[in-house]
């Protein structure tokens, strides 16, 4: 459930700088003080980990797609620096629009390209943010996996 998810994230965040051994000790101590199974964190971490495994696989694919999209967008933006600058200037100085009124009948209006590129730039920053979130999740998952492997080795 979402509550378990939140419990696990809070717990892992509290021990984010811990080694796998320290994390395991913390889990054991925490669970020893729990009144019932619902309060224990160990099984919640295991469930969280399992849920994240499938999300992780999907995210790997998504991250690959995002990387391609980011590269494409960055390339396009670099090709149209002037149009972007112009669109920024135009959106900032829309009160000066009257000055450009005579140029409206151009076949390809740089303003339109610029506006489209500004949208692309927003999408690019969203894609980059999404990628950062994915990387953060992956880091969390891999530290849980390390812990899991160490436990299995000891067990």
C-alpha atoms as a PDB file:
ATOM      1  CA  UNK A   1       0.000   0.000   0.000  1.00  0.00           C
ATOM      2  CA  UNK A   2       0.959   3.647  -0.305  1.00  0.00           C
ATOM      3  CA  UNK A   3       1.379   3.889   3.472  1.00  0.00           C
ATOM      4  CA  UNK A   4       3.940   1.083   3.434  1.00  0.00           C
ATOM      5  CA  UNK A   5       5.638   2.775   0.517  1.00  0.00           C
ATOM      6  CA  UNK A   6       5.860   5.998   2.509  1.00  0.00           C
ATOM      7  CA  UNK A   7       7.094   4.185   5.633  1.00  0.00           C
ATOM      8  CA  UNK A   8       9.835   2.480   3.638  1.00  0.00           C
ATOM      9  CA  UNK A   9      10.915   5.676   1.903  1.00  0.00           C
ATOM     10  CA  UNK A  10      11.025   7.545   5.214  1.00  0.00           C
ATOM     11  CA  UNK A  11      12.998   4.731   6.814  1.00  0.00           C
ATOM     12  CA  UNK A  12      15.462   4.463   3.923  1.00  0.00           C
ATOM     13  CA  UNK A  13      15.839   8.230   3.822  1.00  0.00           C
ATOM     14  CA  UNK A  14      16.656   8.276   7.536  1.00  0.00           C
ATOM     15  CA  UNK A  15      19.447   5.756   6.858  1.00  0.00           C
ATOM     16  CA  UNK A  16      20.489   7.016   3.434  1.00  0.00           C
ATOM     17  CA  UNK A  17      24.153   7.330   4.453  1.00  0.00           C
ATOM     18  CA  UNK A  18      24.263   3.955   6.214  1.00  0.00           C
ATOM     19  CA  UNK A  19      26.252   1.000   4.916  1.00  0.00           C
ATOM     20  CA  UNK A  20      24.221  -2.116   4.072  1.00  0.00           C
ATOM     21  CA  UNK A  21      25.337  -3.607   7.423  1.00  0.00           C
ATOM     22  CA  UNK A  22      24.206  -0.523   9.374  1.00  0.00           C
ATOM     23  CA  UNK A  23      20.920  -0.516   7.508  1.00  0.00           C
ATOM     24  CA  UNK A  24      20.355  -4.182   8.374  1.00  0.00           C
ATOM     25  CA  UNK A  25      21.085  -3.511  12.070  1.00  0.00           C
ATOM     26  CA  UNK A  26      18.639  -0.584  11.981  1.00  0.00           C
ATOM     27  CA  UNK A  27      15.948  -2.793  10.402  1.00  0.00           C
ATOM     28  CA  UNK A  28      16.522  -5.555  12.978  1.00  0.00           C
ATOM     29  CA  UNK A  29      16.399  -3.101  15.883  1.00  0.00           C
ATOM     30  CA  UNK A  30      13.339  -1.359  14.476  1.00  0.00           C
ATOM     31  CA  UNK A  31      11.490  -4.644  13.975  1.00  0.00           C
ATOM     32  CA  UNK A  32      12.472  -5.859  17.462  1.00  0.00           C
ATOM     33  CA  UNK A  33      10.667  -2.842  18.932  1.00  0.00           C
ATOM     34  CA  UNK A  34       7.545  -3.338  16.803  1.00  0.00           C
ATOM     35  CA  UNK A  35       4.364  -4.433  18.577  1.00  0.00           C
ATOM     36  CA  UNK A  36       3.025  -6.373  15.579  1.00  0.00           C
ATOM     37  CA  UNK A  37       3.745  -7.340  11.963  1.00  0.00           C
ATOM     38  CA  UNK A  38       2.127  -4.132  10.677  1.00  0.00           C
ATOM     39  CA  UNK A  39       4.678  -2.029  12.517  1.00  0.00           C
ATOM     40  CA  UNK A  40       7.664  -3.997  11.248  1.00  0.00           C
ATOM     41  CA  UNK A  41       9.668  -2.485   8.398  1.00  0.00           C
ATOM     42  CA  UNK A  42      11.626  -5.521   7.149  1.00  0.00           C
ATOM     43  CA  UNK A  43       8.773  -7.130   5.185  1.00  0.00           C
ATOM     44  CA  UNK A  44       7.680  -3.708   3.917  1.00  0.00           C
ATOM     45  CA  UNK A  45      11.150  -3.087   2.484  1.00  0.00           C
ATOM     46  CA  UNK A  46      11.058  -6.494   0.787  1.00  0.00           C
ATOM     47  CA  UNK A  47       7.634  -5.746  -0.754  1.00  0.00           C
ATOM     48  CA  UNK A  48       8.749  -2.239  -1.745  1.00  0.00           C
ATOM     49  CA  UNK A  49      11.788  -3.742  -3.399  1.00  0.00           C
ATOM     50  CA  UNK A  50       9.727  -6.231  -5.374  1.00  0.00           C
ATOM     51  CA  UNK A  51       7.323  -3.551  -6.581  1.00  0.00           C
ATOM     52  CA  UNK A  52      10.255  -1.370  -7.582  1.00  0.00           C
ATOM     53  CA  UNK A  53      11.918  -4.166  -9.539  1.00  0.00           C
ATOM     54  CA  UNK A  54       9.209  -4.078 -12.228  1.00  0.00           C
ATOM     55  CA  UNK A  55       9.087  -0.269 -12.127  1.00  0.00           C
ATOM     56  CA  UNK A  56      12.871  -0.288 -12.482  1.00  0.00           C
ATOM     57  CA  UNK A  57      12.670  -2.407 -15.652  1.00  0.00           C
ATOM     58  CA  UNK A  58      10.077  -0.037 -17.136  1.00  0.00           C
ATOM     59  CA  UNK A  59      12.152   2.969 -16.095  1.00  0.00           C
ATOM     60  CA  UNK A  60      15.262   1.605 -17.797  1.00  0.00           C
ATOM     61  CA  UNK A  61      13.324   1.541 -21.059  1.00  0.00           C
ATOM     62  CA  UNK A  62      11.845   4.974 -20.371  1.00  0.00           C
ATOM     63  CA  UNK A  63      15.243   6.442 -19.479  1.00  0.00           C
ATOM     64  CA  UNK A  64      16.643   5.138 -22.780  1.00  0.00           C
ATOM     65  CA  UNK A  65      13.794   6.784 -24.698  1.00  0.00           C
ATOM     66  CA  UNK A  66      14.237  10.008 -22.738  1.00  0.00           C
ATOM     67  CA  UNK A  67      17.959  10.084 -23.485  1.00  0.00           C
ATOM     68  CA  UNK A  68      17.203   9.861 -27.198  1.00  0.00           C
ATOM     69  CA  UNK A  69      14.526  12.570 -26.943  1.00  0.00           C
ATOM     70  CA  UNK A  70      16.805  14.821 -24.870  1.00  0.00           C
ATOM     71  CA  UNK A  71      19.603  14.440 -27.407  1.00  0.00           C
ATOM     72  CA  UNK A  72      17.226  15.211 -30.281  1.00  0.00           C
ATOM     73  CA  UNK A  73      15.744  18.252 -28.526  1.00  0.00           C
ATOM     74  CA  UNK A  74      19.150  19.571 -27.522  1.00  0.00           C
ATOM     75  CA  UNK A  75      20.353  19.221 -31.112  1.00  0.00           C
ATOM     76  CA  UNK A  76      17.275  20.954 -32.541  1.00  0.00           C
ATOM     77  CA  UNK A  77      17.560  23.764 -29.992  1.00  0.00           C
ATOM     78  CA  UNK A  78      21.229  24.238 -30.834  1.00  0.00           C
ATOM     79  CA  UNK A  79      20.316  24.512 -34.533  1.00  0.00           C
ATOM     80  CA  UNK A  80      17.730  27.211 -33.847  1.00  0.00           C
ATOM     81  CA  UNK A  81      19.421  29.402 -31.231  1.00  0.00           C
ATOM     82  CA  UNK A  82      18.423  32.614 -33.037  1.00  0.00           C
ATOM     83  CA  UNK A  83      14.762  31.661 -33.349  1.00  0.00           C
ATOM     84  CA  UNK A  84      14.637  30.746 -29.670  1.00  0.00           C
ATOM     85  CA  UNK A  85      16.247  34.044 -28.736  1.00  0.00           C
ATOM     86  CA  UNK A  86      13.826  35.881 -30.997  1.00  0.00           C
ATOM     87  CA  UNK A  87      10.796  34.079 -29.550  1.00  0.00           C
ATOM     88  CA  UNK A  88      12.015  34.887 -26.044  1.00  0.00           C
ATOM     89  CA  UNK A  89      12.426  38.521 -27.015  1.00  0.00           C
ATOM     90  CA  UNK A  90       8.995  38.535 -28.641  1.00  0.00           C
ATOM     91  CA  UNK A  91       7.247  36.907 -25.716  1.00  0.00           C
ATOM     92  CA  UNK A  92       8.998  39.334 -23.375  1.00  0.00           C
ATOM     93  CA  UNK A  93       8.159  42.323 -25.529  1.00  0.00           C
ATOM     94  CA  UNK A  94       4.745  41.345 -26.827  1.00  0.00           C
ATOM     95  CA  UNK A  95       3.755  44.995 -26.431  1.00  0.00           C
ATOM     96  CA  UNK A  96       6.106  45.703 -29.337  1.00  0.00           C
ATOM     97  CA  UNK A  97       4.219  43.264 -31.569  1.00  0.00           C
ATOM     98  CA  UNK A  98       2.869  46.099 -33.684  1.00  0.00           C
ATOM     99  CA  UNK A  99       6.369  46.655 -35.065  1.00  0.00           C
ATOM    100  CA  UNK A 100       6.403  43.174 -36.594  1.00  0.00           C
ATOM    101  CA  UNK A 101       2.893  43.393 -38.018  1.00  0.00           C
ATOM    102  CA  UNK A 102       4.162  43.973 -41.543  1.00  0.00           C
ATOM    103  CA  UNK A 103       6.205  40.782 -41.527  1.00  0.00           C
ATOM    104  CA  UNK A 104       3.300  38.468 -40.720  1.00  0.00           C
ATOM    105  CA  UNK A 105       2.961  37.268 -44.309  1.00  0.00           C
ATOM    106  CA  UNK A 106       6.368  35.552 -44.399  1.00  0.00           C
ATOM    107  CA  UNK A 107       6.145  31.916 -45.488  1.00  0.00           C
ATOM    108  CA  UNK A 108       7.873  30.624 -42.358  1.00  0.00           C
ATOM    109  CA  UNK A 109       7.550  32.977 -39.448  1.00  0.00           C
ATOM    110  CA  UNK A 110      10.580  32.682 -37.137  1.00  0.00           C
ATOM    111  CA  UNK A 111       8.255  33.614 -34.293  1.00  0.00           C
ATOM    112  CA  UNK A 112       6.245  30.397 -34.797  1.00  0.00           C
ATOM    113  CA  UNK A 113       9.367  28.258 -35.000  1.00  0.00           C
ATOM    114  CA  UNK A 114      10.664  30.011 -31.913  1.00  0.00           C
ATOM    115  CA  UNK A 115       7.463  29.413 -29.987  1.00  0.00           C
ATOM    116  CA  UNK A 116       7.507  25.748 -30.978  1.00  0.00           C
ATOM    117  CA  UNK A 117      11.125  25.545 -29.857  1.00  0.00           C
ATOM    118  CA  UNK A 118      10.336  27.175 -26.526  1.00  0.00           C
ATOM    119  CA  UNK A 119       7.759  24.415 -26.008  1.00  0.00           C
ATOM    120  CA  UNK A 120      10.428  21.890 -26.962  1.00  0.00           C
ATOM    121  CA  UNK A 121      12.746  23.500 -24.423  1.00  0.00           C
ATOM    122  CA  UNK A 122      10.100  23.095 -21.694  1.00  0.00           C
ATOM    123  CA  UNK A 123       9.587  19.472 -22.677  1.00  0.00           C
ATOM    124  CA  UNK A 124      13.338  18.991 -22.608  1.00  0.00           C
ATOM    125  CA  UNK A 125      13.594  20.269 -19.053  1.00  0.00           C
ATOM    126  CA  UNK A 126      10.641  18.068 -18.035  1.00  0.00           C
ATOM    127  CA  UNK A 127      12.350  15.084 -19.643  1.00  0.00           C
ATOM    128  CA  UNK A 128      15.571  15.902 -17.791  1.00  0.00           C
ATOM    129  CA  UNK A 129      13.663  16.155 -14.496  1.00  0.00           C
ATOM    130  CA  UNK A 130      11.952  12.834 -15.154  1.00  0.00           C
ATOM    131  CA  UNK A 131      15.346  11.315 -15.861  1.00  0.00           C
ATOM    132  CA  UNK A 132      16.740  12.621 -12.553  1.00  0.00           C
ATOM    133  CA  UNK A 133      13.816  11.139 -10.637  1.00  0.00           C
ATOM    134  CA  UNK A 134      14.354   7.809 -12.376  1.00  0.00           C
ATOM    135  CA  UNK A 135      18.075   7.862 -11.535  1.00  0.00           C
ATOM    136  CA  UNK A 136      17.283   8.612  -7.896  1.00  0.00           C
ATOM    137  CA  UNK A 137      14.822   5.682  -7.737  1.00  0.00           C
ATOM    138  CA  UNK A 138      17.396   3.427  -9.391  1.00  0.00           C
ATOM    139  CA  UNK A 139      20.044   4.426  -6.843  1.00  0.00           C
ATOM    140  CA  UNK A 140      17.640   3.618  -3.994  1.00  0.00           C
ATOM    141  CA  UNK A 141      16.747   0.281  -5.548  1.00  0.00           C
ATOM    142  CA  UNK A 142      20.354  -0.717  -6.160  1.00  0.00           C
ATOM    143  CA  UNK A 143      21.290   0.030  -2.550  1.00  0.00           C
ATOM    144  CA  UNK A 144      18.367  -2.169  -1.391  1.00  0.00           C
ATOM    145  CA  UNK A 145      19.520  -4.880  -3.798  1.00  0.00           C
ATOM    146  CA  UNK A 146      23.072  -4.739  -2.423  1.00  0.00           C
ATOM    147  CA  UNK A 147      21.626  -5.217   1.042  1.00  0.00           C
ATOM    148  CA  UNK A 148      19.489  -8.130  -0.155  1.00  0.00           C
ATOM    149  CA  UNK A 149      22.493  -9.854  -1.730  1.00  0.00           C
ATOM    150  CA  UNK A 150      24.595  -9.386   1.389  1.00  0.00           C
ATOM    151  CA  UNK A 151      21.828 -10.842   3.542  1.00  0.00           C
ATOM    152  CA  UNK A 152      21.496 -13.860   1.265  1.00  0.00           C
ATOM    153  CA  UNK A 153      25.267 -14.360   1.348  1.00  0.00           C
ATOM    154  CA  UNK A 154      25.241 -14.314   5.172  1.00  0.00           C
ATOM    155  CA  UNK A 155      21.990 -16.245   5.582  1.00  0.00           C
END
